[in-house]
Amino acid sequence: MGHRKLASPRRGSSGLRPRKRAEEILPTPRSWPIVNYENPTLLGFVGYKVGMTHVYMIDNTRGSDNFGKEIFVPSTVIETPPILPLAIKAYGITSKGEPASITEYWANLPSDIHLERRIRNIKINSEKQSAFLNKIKDNINNLLFLRLIVATQPKLVPALGKKTPDITEIQIGGGTLNAQLDYALSILGKPMTVNSVLKEGQLIDIIGVTKGKGFEGVVKRYSVQELPRWHKHRKGSRKVGTKGPSLGTPSYVPQPGQMGFHRRTEYNKLILKISDKIDEINPKGGFVKYGQVRNTYILLKGSTIGVRKRPLFLRYAIRPYEITPTPQNITYIDLNSKQG
């Protein structure tokens, strides 16, 4: 078996790194797309995964064998209650030449969003906030970009069973920096719906945390082949035969450890439908392990990462294969309850 260590293909993929637990349940994107819109807009939204169903729709993909025909498409439902912009965060270049936050301008926070569960001892001084806003206006030409600190409203989703909001940052794109600042000031402290950010037929990226599976061995974690079971395998067969260096990959050794609950990104997910008509999507008795959808929902083509009730960040596609949103013609949405 000496040749096997050199010629056998390695087991598992080394591309999905790091294989560690995610640091936060709602990740913030590390990069943002560059858009050339005339009017400023938010480049993302936050929703909660509901479950899956299937639809029948007319295939409008040019060059497809089923172009113009009715096709069966599995789809994912994401409930998107309104988000609440809390503050404007300005980013610029520091003395070290790295982008960093310069200042923040907070709006008057409503008392019914339970923000004290996430941010304790938050006090807003109107005089200091005015000085912060003036600082942003005076240095507007030296800024790199503007972001909004937003909070979700899980209290509007009874299926979640929680009131503590999820807080994240969403970058503003399009227009000039002055136009972005005016846009941010106009929506600050006001609930925003998903219709004002995303459109039907648009491609988005899903950033979230995958389903956690705990501590697993190398057979399940890396698809390592189980060793043959015979009388000399007193130390077990579900393990790596050798942990010595192999040809070309001396540092790659499959090890047991954390599997699942990883931060991952799915690119170019197609939005089939955005609607607030909940009767068109709710099955009889509600979705399994979730319940009824009560807010505006998004219907995505295909599956997504995460378990039910998991918060997902919906970002503008950073590398889309289509720029112009194309409306989708859905002929039927299945309302039967999905078991399992």
C-alpha atoms as a PDB file:
ATOM      1  CA  MET A   1       0.000   0.000   0.000  1.00  0.00           C
ATOM      2  CA  GLY A   2       3.018   2.297  -0.200  1.00  0.00           C
ATOM      3  CA  HIS A   3       1.926   3.600  -3.592  1.00  0.00           C
ATOM      4  CA  ARG A   4      -1.509   4.631  -2.269  1.00  0.00           C
ATOM      5  CA  LYS A   5      -0.161   7.467  -0.165  1.00  0.00           C
ATOM      6  CA  LEU A   6       1.336   9.052  -3.288  1.00  0.00           C
ATOM      7  CA  ALA A   7      -1.215   8.242  -5.982  1.00  0.00           C
ATOM      8  CA  SER A   8      -4.565   8.124  -4.176  1.00  0.00           C
ATOM      9  CA  PRO A   9      -6.690  11.261  -4.419  1.00  0.00           C
ATOM     10  CA  ARG A  10      -7.131  13.065  -1.138  1.00  0.00           C
ATOM     11  CA  ARG A  11     -10.479  12.898   0.613  1.00  0.00           C
ATOM     12  CA  GLY A  12     -12.666  15.933   1.112  1.00  0.00           C
ATOM     13  CA  SER A  13     -12.355  19.537  -0.043  1.00  0.00           C
ATOM     14  CA  SER A  14      -9.792  21.927   1.405  1.00  0.00           C
ATOM     15  CA  GLY A  15     -11.564  24.918  -0.124  1.00  0.00           C
ATOM     16  CA  LEU A  16     -14.235  25.391   2.524  1.00  0.00           C
ATOM     17  CA  ARG A  17     -12.025  26.968   5.137  1.00  0.00           C
ATOM     18  CA  PRO A  18     -12.093  27.778   7.949  1.00  0.00           C
ATOM     19  CA  ARG A  19     -14.067  24.869   9.331  1.00  0.00           C
ATOM     20  CA  LYS A  20     -14.857  26.586  12.598  1.00  0.00           C
ATOM     21  CA  ARG A  21     -17.952  27.878  14.327  1.00  0.00           C
ATOM     22  CA  ALA A  22     -19.270  31.196  13.071  1.00  0.00           C
ATOM     23  CA  GLU A  23     -18.566  34.164  15.320  1.00  0.00           C
ATOM     24  CA  GLU A  24     -22.049  35.648  14.927  1.00  0.00           C
ATOM     25  CA  ILE A  25     -25.453  34.335  13.927  1.00  0.00           C
ATOM     26  CA  LEU A  26     -26.010  37.176  11.422  1.00  0.00           C
ATOM     27  CA  PRO A  27     -22.742  37.851   9.549  1.00  0.00           C
ATOM     28  CA  THR A  28     -21.947  41.270   8.087  1.00  0.00           C
ATOM     29  CA  PRO A  29     -20.633  41.192   4.499  1.00  0.00           C
ATOM     30  CA  ARG A  30     -16.907  41.749   4.141  1.00  0.00           C
ATOM     31  CA  SER A  31     -17.244  43.215   0.639  1.00  0.00           C
ATOM     32  CA  TRP A  32     -19.902  45.133  -1.257  1.00  0.00           C
ATOM     33  CA  PRO A  33     -20.720  45.506  -4.959  1.00  0.00           C
ATOM     34  CA  ILE A  34     -20.059  48.722  -6.849  1.00  0.00           C
ATOM     35  CA  VAL A  35     -23.302  49.969  -8.396  1.00  0.00           C
ATOM     36  CA  ASN A  36     -23.738  52.856 -10.828  1.00  0.00           C
ATOM     37  CA  TYR A  37     -27.311  53.828  -9.999  1.00  0.00           C
ATOM     38  CA  GLU A  38     -28.311  57.475 -10.230  1.00  0.00           C
ATOM     39  CA  ASN A  39     -30.288  57.330  -6.986  1.00  0.00           C
ATOM     40  CA  PRO A  40     -28.796  56.016  -3.728  1.00  0.00           C
ATOM     41  CA  THR A  41     -30.114  52.763  -2.309  1.00  0.00           C
ATOM     42  CA  LEU A  42     -29.307  50.237   0.380  1.00  0.00           C
ATOM     43  CA  LEU A  43     -27.245  47.310  -0.873  1.00  0.00           C
ATOM     44  CA  GLY A  44     -28.796  44.704   1.370  1.00  0.00           C
ATOM     45  CA  PHE A  45     -31.615  43.528   3.592  1.00  0.00           C
ATOM     46  CA  VAL A  46     -32.193  40.986   6.358  1.00  0.00           C
ATOM     47  CA  GLY A  47     -34.742  38.167   6.358  1.00  0.00           C
ATOM     48  CA  TYR A  48     -35.588  34.973   8.219  1.00  0.00           C
ATOM     49  CA  LYS A  49     -35.690  31.576   6.552  1.00  0.00           C
ATOM     50  CA  VAL A  50     -39.154  30.001   6.585  1.00  0.00           C
ATOM     51  CA  GLY A  51     -38.901  26.781   4.605  1.00  0.00           C
ATOM     52  CA  MET A  52     -39.232  25.401   1.091  1.00  0.00           C
ATOM     53  CA  THR A  53     -41.984  24.808  -1.407  1.00  0.00           C
ATOM     54  CA  HIS A  54     -42.142  24.441  -5.181  1.00  0.00           C
ATOM     55  CA  VAL A  55     -43.595  26.506  -8.000  1.00  0.00           C
ATOM     56  CA  TYR A  56     -44.387  26.147 -11.684  1.00  0.00           C
ATOM     57  CA  MET A  57     -43.129  28.981 -13.857  1.00  0.00           C
ATOM     58  CA  ILE A  58     -42.433  29.845 -17.483  1.00  0.00           C
ATOM     59  CA  ASP A  59     -38.753  29.440 -18.330  1.00  0.00           C
ATOM     60  CA  ASN A  60     -37.477  32.710 -19.794  1.00  0.00           C
ATOM     61  CA  THR A  61     -33.809  31.697 -20.102  1.00  0.00           C
ATOM     62  CA  ARG A  62     -32.647  32.370 -23.655  1.00  0.00           C
ATOM     63  CA  GLY A  63     -31.028  29.326 -25.238  1.00  0.00           C
ATOM     64  CA  SER A  64     -32.594  26.900 -22.774  1.00  0.00           C
ATOM     65  CA  ASP A  65     -34.232  23.713 -24.057  1.00  0.00           C
ATOM     66  CA  ASN A  66     -37.307  24.608 -21.985  1.00  0.00           C
ATOM     67  CA  PHE A  67     -37.506  28.246 -23.103  1.00  0.00           C
ATOM     68  CA  GLY A  68     -41.148  29.333 -23.103  1.00  0.00           C
ATOM     69  CA  LYS A  69     -42.290  26.130 -21.391  1.00  0.00           C
ATOM     70  CA  GLU A  70     -43.675  25.572 -17.904  1.00  0.00           C
ATOM     71  CA  ILE A  71     -41.063  24.084 -15.578  1.00  0.00           C
ATOM     72  CA  PHE A  72     -40.948  22.785 -12.009  1.00  0.00           C
ATOM     73  CA  VAL A  73     -38.740  24.875  -9.690  1.00  0.00           C
ATOM     74  CA  PRO A  74     -37.971  24.207  -5.978  1.00  0.00           C
ATOM     75  CA  SER A  75     -37.974  27.484  -4.070  1.00  0.00           C
ATOM     76  CA  THR A  76     -37.238  28.900  -0.615  1.00  0.00           C
ATOM     77  CA  VAL A  77     -39.457  31.282   1.348  1.00  0.00           C
ATOM     78  CA  ILE A  78     -37.790  34.075   3.357  1.00  0.00           C
ATOM     79  CA  GLU A  79     -39.882  36.313   5.598  1.00  0.00           C
ATOM     80  CA  THR A  80     -38.678  39.920   5.565  1.00  0.00           C
ATOM     81  CA  PRO A  81     -40.229  42.159   8.228  1.00  0.00           C
ATOM     82  CA  PRO A  82     -39.353  45.880   7.985  1.00  0.00           C
ATOM     83  CA  ILE A  83     -35.916  46.911   9.183  1.00  0.00           C
ATOM     84  CA  LEU A  84     -35.269  50.079  11.183  1.00  0.00           C
ATOM     85  CA  PRO A  85     -32.251  52.317  10.364  1.00  0.00           C
ATOM     86  CA  LEU A  86     -30.702  53.478  13.638  1.00  0.00           C
ATOM     87  CA  ALA A  87     -27.548  55.398  12.737  1.00  0.00           C
ATOM     88  CA  ILE A  88     -25.279  56.622   9.942  1.00  0.00           C
ATOM     89  CA  LYS A  89     -21.706  55.337  10.057  1.00  0.00           C
ATOM     90  CA  ALA A  90     -19.057  57.177   8.010  1.00  0.00           C
ATOM     91  CA  TYR A  91     -15.876  55.450   6.847  1.00  0.00           C
ATOM     92  CA  GLY A  92     -12.659  57.128   5.735  1.00  0.00           C
ATOM     93  CA  ILE A  93      -8.912  56.562   5.432  1.00  0.00           C
ATOM     94  CA  THR A  94      -6.858  56.577   8.627  1.00  0.00           C
ATOM     95  CA  SER A  95      -3.260  57.730   9.007  1.00  0.00           C
ATOM     96  CA  LYS A  96      -2.141  54.155   8.303  1.00  0.00           C
ATOM     97  CA  GLY A  97      -3.951  54.168   4.964  1.00  0.00           C
ATOM     98  CA  GLU A  98      -6.613  51.692   6.053  1.00  0.00           C
ATOM     99  CA  PRO A  99     -10.410  52.243   5.921  1.00  0.00           C
ATOM    100  CA  ALA A 100     -11.947  52.747   9.337  1.00  0.00           C
ATOM    101  CA  SER A 101     -14.978  54.289  10.972  1.00  0.00           C
ATOM    102  CA  ILE A 102     -14.713  58.051  11.534  1.00  0.00           C
ATOM    103  CA  THR A 103     -17.911  58.872  13.353  1.00  0.00           C
ATOM    104  CA  GLU A 104     -21.547  57.838  13.834  1.00  0.00           C
ATOM    105  CA  TYR A 105     -24.761  59.832  13.844  1.00  0.00           C
ATOM    106  CA  TRP A 106     -27.626  58.216  15.765  1.00  0.00           C
ATOM    107  CA  ALA A 107     -31.309  59.027  15.398  1.00  0.00           C
ATOM    108  CA  ASN A 108     -33.837  59.175  18.212  1.00  0.00           C
ATOM    109  CA  LEU A 109     -34.513  55.540  18.986  1.00  0.00           C
ATOM    110  CA  PRO A 110     -38.069  54.276  19.501  1.00  0.00           C
ATOM    111  CA  SER A 111     -38.707  52.468  22.737  1.00  0.00           C
ATOM    112  CA  ASP A 112     -40.738  49.570  21.330  1.00  0.00           C
ATOM    113  CA  ILE A 113     -37.959  47.764  19.421  1.00  0.00           C
ATOM    114  CA  HIS A 114     -36.324  46.299  22.569  1.00  0.00           C
ATOM    115  CA  LEU A 115     -32.907  47.637  21.597  1.00  0.00           C
ATOM    116  CA  GLU A 116     -31.752  47.628  25.220  1.00  0.00           C
ATOM    117  CA  ARG A 117     -31.539  43.825  24.984  1.00  0.00           C
ATOM    118  CA  ARG A 118     -28.764  44.188  22.424  1.00  0.00           C
ATOM    119  CA  ILE A 119     -27.137  47.537  23.342  1.00  0.00           C
ATOM    120  CA  ARG A 120     -27.032  48.417  27.015  1.00  0.00           C
ATOM    121  CA  ASN A 121     -26.733  51.907  28.499  1.00  0.00           C
ATOM    122  CA  ILE A 122     -27.213  53.644  25.169  1.00  0.00           C
ATOM    123  CA  LYS A 123     -27.670  57.390  25.632  1.00  0.00           C
ATOM    124  CA  ILE A 124     -28.085  59.885  22.794  1.00  0.00           C
ATOM    125  CA  ASN A 125     -26.943  63.455  23.379  1.00  0.00           C
ATOM    126  CA  SER A 126     -28.563  65.750  20.816  1.00  0.00           C
ATOM    127  CA  GLU A 127     -25.732  68.296  20.977  1.00  0.00           C
ATOM    128  CA  LYS A 128     -23.027  65.698  20.420  1.00  0.00           C
ATOM    129  CA  GLN A 129     -25.024  64.077  17.614  1.00  0.00           C
ATOM    130  CA  SER A 130     -25.321  67.453  15.871  1.00  0.00           C
ATOM    131  CA  ALA A 131     -21.541  67.828  16.099  1.00  0.00           C
ATOM    132  CA  PHE A 132     -21.093  64.329  14.648  1.00  0.00           C
ATOM    133  CA  LEU A 133     -23.415  65.163  11.742  1.00  0.00           C
ATOM    134  CA  ASN A 134     -21.527  68.383  11.036  1.00  0.00           C
ATOM    135  CA  LYS A 135     -18.285  66.401  11.044  1.00  0.00           C
ATOM    136  CA  ILE A 136     -19.695  64.065   8.387  1.00  0.00           C
ATOM    137  CA  LYS A 137     -20.845  66.997   6.242  1.00  0.00           C
ATOM    138  CA  ASP A 138     -17.517  68.815   6.539  1.00  0.00           C
ATOM    139  CA  ASN A 139     -15.508  65.725   5.556  1.00  0.00           C
ATOM    140  CA  ILE A 140     -17.934  64.377   2.973  1.00  0.00           C
ATOM    141  CA  ASN A 141     -15.368  64.646   0.159  1.00  0.00           C
ATOM    142  CA  ASN A 142     -12.772  62.694   2.135  1.00  0.00           C
ATOM    143  CA  LEU A 143     -15.066  59.779   2.974  1.00  0.00           C
ATOM    144  CA  LEU A 144     -14.922  56.374   1.320  1.00  0.00           C
ATOM    145  CA  PHE A 145     -18.517  55.262   1.856  1.00  0.00           C
ATOM    146  CA  LEU A 146     -21.501  55.519   4.169  1.00  0.00           C
ATOM    147  CA  ARG A 147     -23.277  52.697   5.956  1.00  0.00           C
ATOM    148  CA  LEU A 148     -26.451  52.428   7.991  1.00  0.00           C
ATOM    149  CA  ILE A 149     -26.663  50.598  11.289  1.00  0.00           C
ATOM    150  CA  VAL A 150     -30.016  48.834  11.100  1.00  0.00           C
ATOM    151  CA  ALA A 151     -32.025  46.650  13.445  1.00  0.00           C
ATOM    152  CA  THR A 152     -34.495  43.937  12.535  1.00  0.00           C
ATOM    153  CA  GLN A 153     -37.914  43.649  14.146  1.00  0.00           C
ATOM    154  CA  PRO A 154     -38.360  39.981  15.112  1.00  0.00           C
ATOM    155  CA  LYS A 155     -41.302  40.932  17.324  1.00  0.00           C
ATOM    156  CA  LEU A 156     -43.308  41.188  14.076  1.00  0.00           C
ATOM    157  CA  VAL A 157     -42.586  37.505  13.362  1.00  0.00           C
ATOM    158  CA  PRO A 158     -44.438  35.387  15.959  1.00  0.00           C
ATOM    159  CA  ALA A 159     -42.819  32.201  14.644  1.00  0.00           C
ATOM    160  CA  LEU A 160     -39.380  33.308  15.892  1.00  0.00           C
ATOM    161  CA  GLY A 161     -40.488  33.632  19.504  1.00  0.00           C
ATOM    162  CA  LYS A 162     -38.045  36.410  20.317  1.00  0.00           C
ATOM    163  CA  LYS A 163     -37.971  40.197  20.683  1.00  0.00           C
ATOM    164  CA  THR A 164     -34.246  40.898  20.673  1.00  0.00           C
ATOM    165  CA  PRO A 165     -33.361  42.575  17.354  1.00  0.00           C
ATOM    166  CA  ASP A 166     -30.462  41.556  15.143  1.00  0.00           C
ATOM    167  CA  ILE A 167     -28.177  44.516  14.403  1.00  0.00           C
ATOM    168  CA  THR A 168     -25.968  44.828  11.322  1.00  0.00           C
ATOM    169  CA  GLU A 169     -24.487  47.352   8.906  1.00  0.00           C
ATOM    170  CA  ILE A 170     -25.727  47.921   5.359  1.00  0.00           C
ATOM    171  CA  GLN A 171     -23.730  49.981   2.884  1.00  0.00           C
ATOM    172  CA  ILE A 172     -25.321  52.677   0.713  1.00  0.00           C
ATOM    173  CA  GLY A 173     -24.575  52.585  -3.005  1.00  0.00           C
ATOM    174  CA  GLY A 174     -25.359  54.718  -6.033  1.00  0.00           C
ATOM    175  CA  GLY A 175     -25.286  58.472  -6.520  1.00  0.00           C
ATOM    176  CA  THR A 176     -22.785  60.849  -4.935  1.00  0.00           C
ATOM    177  CA  LEU A 177     -21.763  60.930  -1.297  1.00  0.00           C
ATOM    178  CA  ASN A 178     -23.862  64.051  -0.744  1.00  0.00           C
ATOM    179  CA  ALA A 179     -26.888  62.320  -2.256  1.00  0.00           C
ATOM    180  CA  GLN A 180     -26.206  59.235  -0.107  1.00  0.00           C
ATOM    181  CA  LEU A 181     -26.082  61.388   3.029  1.00  0.00           C
ATOM    182  CA  ASP A 182     -29.394  63.062   2.164  1.00  0.00           C
ATOM    183  CA  TYR A 183     -30.903  59.649   1.456  1.00  0.00           C
ATOM    184  CA  ALA A 184     -29.661  58.262   4.773  1.00  0.00           C
ATOM    185  CA  LEU A 185     -31.042  61.230   6.709  1.00  0.00           C
ATOM    186  CA  SER A 186     -34.429  60.852   5.004  1.00  0.00           C
ATOM    187  CA  ILE A 187     -34.884  57.204   6.032  1.00  0.00           C
ATOM    188  CA  LEU A 188     -33.198  57.352   9.442  1.00  0.00           C
ATOM    189  CA  GLY A 189     -35.523  56.141  12.175  1.00  0.00           C
ATOM    190  CA  LYS A 190     -38.246  55.071   9.704  1.00  0.00           C
ATOM    191  CA  PRO A 191     -39.151  51.430   8.972  1.00  0.00           C
ATOM    192  CA  MET A 192     -38.041  50.227   5.539  1.00  0.00           C
ATOM    193  CA  THR A 193     -39.703  47.411   3.621  1.00  0.00           C
ATOM    194  CA  VAL A 194     -37.944  44.987   1.320  1.00  0.00           C
ATOM    195  CA  ASN A 195     -39.828  46.399  -1.685  1.00  0.00           C
ATOM    196  CA  SER A 196     -37.817  49.620  -1.420  1.00  0.00           C
ATOM    197  CA  VAL A 197     -34.500  47.747  -1.577  1.00  0.00           C
ATOM    198  CA  LEU A 198     -34.890  44.601  -3.713  1.00  0.00           C
ATOM    199  CA  LYS A 199     -36.849  43.828  -6.879  1.00  0.00           C
ATOM    200  CA  GLU A 200     -38.377  40.755  -8.467  1.00  0.00           C
ATOM    201  CA  GLY A 201     -36.094  39.028 -10.957  1.00  0.00           C
ATOM    202  CA  GLN A 202     -32.991  40.402  -9.230  1.00  0.00           C
ATOM    203  CA  LEU A 203     -29.921  38.354  -8.343  1.00  0.00           C
ATOM    204  CA  ILE A 204     -28.741  38.505  -4.732  1.00  0.00           C
ATOM    205  CA  ASP A 205     -26.142  36.823  -2.546  1.00  0.00           C
ATOM    206  CA  ILE A 206     -27.114  34.970   0.629  1.00  0.00           C
ATOM    207  CA  ILE A 207     -24.718  35.362   3.572  1.00  0.00           C
ATOM    208  CA  GLY A 208     -25.508  33.313   6.639  1.00  0.00           C
ATOM    209  CA  VAL A 209     -24.587  30.458   8.941  1.00  0.00           C
ATOM    210  CA  THR A 210     -25.080  26.855   7.873  1.00  0.00           C
ATOM    211  CA  LYS A 211     -26.834  24.142   9.838  1.00  0.00           C
ATOM    212  CA  GLY A 212     -24.733  23.013  12.803  1.00  0.00           C
ATOM    213  CA  LYS A 213     -23.859  19.320  13.151  1.00  0.00           C
ATOM    214  CA  GLY A 214     -21.480  19.423  16.091  1.00  0.00           C
ATOM    215  CA  PHE A 215     -18.194  17.536  16.495  1.00  0.00           C
ATOM    216  CA  GLU A 216     -17.799  14.932  13.751  1.00  0.00           C
ATOM    217  CA  GLY A 217     -15.150  12.445  12.715  1.00  0.00           C
ATOM    218  CA  VAL A 218     -13.151  12.381   9.501  1.00  0.00           C
ATOM    219  CA  VAL A 219     -15.482   9.922   7.726  1.00  0.00           C
ATOM    220  CA  LYS A 220     -18.425  12.304   7.863  1.00  0.00           C
ATOM    221  CA  ARG A 221     -16.447  15.551   7.904  1.00  0.00           C
ATOM    222  CA  TYR A 222     -14.041  14.846   5.015  1.00  0.00           C
ATOM    223  CA  SER A 223     -15.554  11.734   3.376  1.00  0.00           C
ATOM    224  CA  VAL A 224     -12.511   9.675   4.333  1.00  0.00           C
ATOM    225  CA  GLN A 225     -12.920   6.058   3.282  1.00  0.00           C
ATOM    226  CA  GLU A 226     -13.475   3.703   6.198  1.00  0.00           C
ATOM    227  CA  LEU A 227     -10.694   1.184   6.677  1.00  0.00           C
ATOM    228  CA  PRO A 228     -11.501  -2.506   6.307  1.00  0.00           C
ATOM    229  CA  ARG A 229     -12.650  -4.099   9.532  1.00  0.00           C
ATOM    230  CA  TRP A 230     -10.488  -6.986  10.687  1.00  0.00           C
ATOM    231  CA  HIS A 231      -9.097  -8.320  13.924  1.00  0.00           C
ATOM    232  CA  LYS A 232      -6.062  -6.015  14.061  1.00  0.00           C
ATOM    233  CA  HIS A 233      -8.143  -2.845  13.982  1.00  0.00           C
ATOM    234  CA  ARG A 234      -8.341  -2.558  17.713  1.00  0.00           C
ATOM    235  CA  LYS A 235      -7.971   1.234  17.426  1.00  0.00           C
ATOM    236  CA  GLY A 236     -10.935   1.621  15.112  1.00  0.00           C
ATOM    237  CA  SER A 237     -11.573   1.786  11.389  1.00  0.00           C
ATOM    238  CA  ARG A 238     -13.300   5.177  11.045  1.00  0.00           C
ATOM    239  CA  LYS A 239     -10.067   7.148  11.039  1.00  0.00           C
ATOM    240  CA  VAL A 240      -7.248   8.342   8.784  1.00  0.00           C
ATOM    241  CA  GLY A 241      -4.823   5.566   7.917  1.00  0.00           C
ATOM    242  CA  THR A 242      -1.756   7.816   8.083  1.00  0.00           C
ATOM    243  CA  LYS A 243      -1.205  11.371   9.242  1.00  0.00           C
ATOM    244  CA  GLY A 244       2.188  11.672   7.604  1.00  0.00           C
ATOM    245  CA  PRO A 245       2.895  14.110   4.751  1.00  0.00           C
ATOM    246  CA  SER A 246       1.616  13.199   1.304  1.00  0.00           C
ATOM    247  CA  LEU A 247       2.946  14.264  -2.084  1.00  0.00           C
ATOM    248  CA  GLY A 248       2.066  17.861  -2.941  1.00  0.00           C
ATOM    249  CA  THR A 249      -0.011  18.527   0.186  1.00  0.00           C
ATOM    250  CA  PRO A 250       2.205  18.054   3.237  1.00  0.00           C
ATOM    251  CA  SER A 251       0.071  20.314   5.435  1.00  0.00           C
ATOM    252  CA  TYR A 252      -3.312  18.804   4.559  1.00  0.00           C
ATOM    253  CA  VAL A 253      -4.335  16.197   7.116  1.00  0.00           C
ATOM    254  CA  PRO A 254      -8.051  15.469   7.689  1.00  0.00           C
ATOM    255  CA  GLN A 255      -8.872  15.850  11.355  1.00  0.00           C
ATOM    256  CA  PRO A 256     -12.103  15.435  13.329  1.00  0.00           C
ATOM    257  CA  GLY A 257     -13.695  18.618  14.572  1.00  0.00           C
ATOM    258  CA  GLN A 258     -16.531  21.107  14.131  1.00  0.00           C
ATOM    259  CA  MET A 259     -18.897  20.390  11.244  1.00  0.00           C
ATOM    260  CA  GLY A 260     -21.576  22.848  10.294  1.00  0.00           C
ATOM    261  CA  PHE A 261     -22.482  26.210  11.789  1.00  0.00           C
ATOM    262  CA  HIS A 262     -20.023  27.815   9.371  1.00  0.00           C
ATOM    263  CA  ARG A 263     -20.259  31.261   7.819  1.00  0.00           C
ATOM    264  CA  ARG A 264     -20.849  30.775   4.103  1.00  0.00           C
ATOM    265  CA  THR A 265     -21.928  32.832   1.062  1.00  0.00           C
ATOM    266  CA  GLU A 266     -24.173  31.692  -1.793  1.00  0.00           C
ATOM    267  CA  TYR A 267     -23.905  33.713  -4.978  1.00  0.00           C
ATOM    268  CA  ASN A 268     -26.504  34.737  -7.563  1.00  0.00           C
ATOM    269  CA  LYS A 269     -29.767  33.527  -6.058  1.00  0.00           C
ATOM    270  CA  LEU A 270     -32.742  34.578  -8.189  1.00  0.00           C
ATOM    271  CA  ILE A 271     -35.705  36.373  -6.607  1.00  0.00           C
ATOM    272  CA  LEU A 272     -38.858  34.858  -8.099  1.00  0.00           C
ATOM    273  CA  LYS A 273     -41.424  36.873  -6.173  1.00  0.00           C
ATOM    274  CA  ILE A 274     -41.748  39.632  -3.550  1.00  0.00           C
ATOM    275  CA  SER A 275     -45.231  40.006  -2.094  1.00  0.00           C
ATOM    276  CA  ASP A 276     -47.147  40.883   1.047  1.00  0.00           C
ATOM    277  CA  LYS A 277     -50.130  38.690   0.109  1.00  0.00           C
ATOM    278  CA  ILE A 278     -49.497  35.990   2.679  1.00  0.00           C
ATOM    279  CA  ASP A 279     -52.485  33.886   1.602  1.00  0.00           C
ATOM    280  CA  GLU A 280     -50.615  33.067  -1.611  1.00  0.00           C
ATOM    281  CA  ILE A 281     -47.751  31.376   0.223  1.00  0.00           C
ATOM    282  CA  ASN A 282     -49.009  30.005   3.568  1.00  0.00           C
ATOM    283  CA  PRO A 283     -49.808  26.259   3.429  1.00  0.00           C
ATOM    284  CA  LYS A 284     -52.615  24.737   5.436  1.00  0.00           C
ATOM    285  CA  GLY A 285     -51.470  24.623   9.042  1.00  0.00           C
ATOM    286  CA  GLY A 286     -48.393  26.721   8.309  1.00  0.00           C
ATOM    287  CA  PHE A 287     -44.845  25.732   7.446  1.00  0.00           C
ATOM    288  CA  VAL A 288     -43.374  22.785   9.327  1.00  0.00           C
ATOM    289  CA  LYS A 289     -41.389  23.912  12.400  1.00  0.00           C
ATOM    290  CA  TYR A 290     -42.127  27.550  11.574  1.00  0.00           C
ATOM    291  CA  GLY A 291     -45.793  28.425  11.321  1.00  0.00           C
ATOM    292  CA  GLN A 292     -47.549  31.143   9.353  1.00  0.00           C
ATOM    293  CA  VAL A 293     -45.857  33.915   7.392  1.00  0.00           C
ATOM    294  CA  ARG A 294     -47.162  37.271   8.671  1.00  0.00           C
ATOM    295  CA  ASN A 295     -45.019  39.832   6.791  1.00  0.00           C
ATOM    296  CA  THR A 296     -43.732  40.534   3.311  1.00  0.00           C
ATOM    297  CA  TYR A 297     -41.922  37.500   1.941  1.00  0.00           C
ATOM    298  CA  ILE A 298     -39.363  36.703  -0.750  1.00  0.00           C
ATOM    299  CA  LEU A 299     -39.530  33.592  -2.911  1.00  0.00           C
ATOM    300  CA  LEU A 300     -36.053  32.472  -3.989  1.00  0.00           C
ATOM    301  CA  LYS A 301     -35.171  29.967  -6.667  1.00  0.00           C
ATOM    302  CA  GLY A 302     -33.562  26.858  -5.207  1.00  0.00           C
ATOM    303  CA  SER A 303     -32.412  26.139  -1.684  1.00  0.00           C
ATOM    304  CA  THR A 304     -30.433  28.290   0.743  1.00  0.00           C
ATOM    305  CA  ILE A 305     -28.129  27.720   3.683  1.00  0.00           C
ATOM    306  CA  GLY A 306     -29.256  27.591   7.284  1.00  0.00           C
ATOM    307  CA  VAL A 307     -32.088  26.058   9.249  1.00  0.00           C
ATOM    308  CA  ARG A 308     -35.590  27.411   9.707  1.00  0.00           C
ATOM    309  CA  LYS A 309     -35.807  30.731  11.603  1.00  0.00           C
ATOM    310  CA  ARG A 310     -32.144  31.475  10.801  1.00  0.00           C
ATOM    311  CA  PRO A 311     -31.453  35.169   9.973  1.00  0.00           C
ATOM    312  CA  LEU A 312     -29.984  35.606   6.491  1.00  0.00           C
ATOM    313  CA  PHE A 313     -28.288  38.655   4.987  1.00  0.00           C
ATOM    314  CA  LEU A 314     -29.552  39.409   1.474  1.00  0.00           C
ATOM    315  CA  ARG A 315     -26.869  41.399  -0.359  1.00  0.00           C
ATOM    316  CA  TYR A 316     -26.851  42.795  -3.881  1.00  0.00           C
ATOM    317  CA  ALA A 317     -25.039  40.316  -6.129  1.00  0.00           C
ATOM    318  CA  ILE A 318     -21.335  41.113  -6.213  1.00  0.00           C
ATOM    319  CA  ARG A 319     -20.719  39.203  -9.471  1.00  0.00           C
ATOM    320  CA  PRO A 320     -24.093  38.859 -11.252  1.00  0.00           C
ATOM    321  CA  TYR A 321     -24.440  37.239 -14.644  1.00  0.00           C
ATOM    322  CA  GLU A 322     -27.380  39.576 -15.375  1.00  0.00           C
ATOM    323  CA  ILE A 323     -27.535  43.271 -14.563  1.00  0.00           C
ATOM    324  CA  THR A 324     -31.148  44.117 -15.459  1.00  0.00           C
ATOM    325  CA  PRO A 325     -33.798  42.426 -13.260  1.00  0.00           C
ATOM    326  CA  THR A 326     -36.027  40.161 -15.347  1.00  0.00           C
ATOM    327  CA  PRO A 327     -39.628  39.602 -14.128  1.00  0.00           C
ATOM    328  CA  GLN A 328     -40.603  35.975 -13.589  1.00  0.00           C
ATOM    329  CA  ASN A 329     -43.892  34.439 -14.737  1.00  0.00           C
ATOM    330  CA  ILE A 330     -45.082  32.125 -11.938  1.00  0.00           C
ATOM    331  CA  THR A 331     -48.151  30.083 -12.814  1.00  0.00           C
ATOM    332  CA  TYR A 332     -48.590  27.991  -9.651  1.00  0.00           C
ATOM    333  CA  ILE A 333     -47.334  27.967  -6.046  1.00  0.00           C
ATOM    334  CA  ASP A 334     -47.757  24.744  -4.097  1.00  0.00           C
ATOM    335  CA  LEU A 335     -49.532  25.222  -0.740  1.00  0.00           C
ATOM    336  CA  ASN A 336     -49.321  21.660   0.534  1.00  0.00           C
ATOM    337  CA  SER A 337     -47.541  21.191   3.842  1.00  0.00           C
ATOM    338  CA  LYS A 338     -44.005  19.796   3.451  1.00  0.00           C
ATOM    339  CA  GLN A 339     -43.160  17.144   6.035  1.00  0.00           C
ATOM    340  CA  GLY A 340     -39.645  16.669   7.356  1.00  0.00           C
END
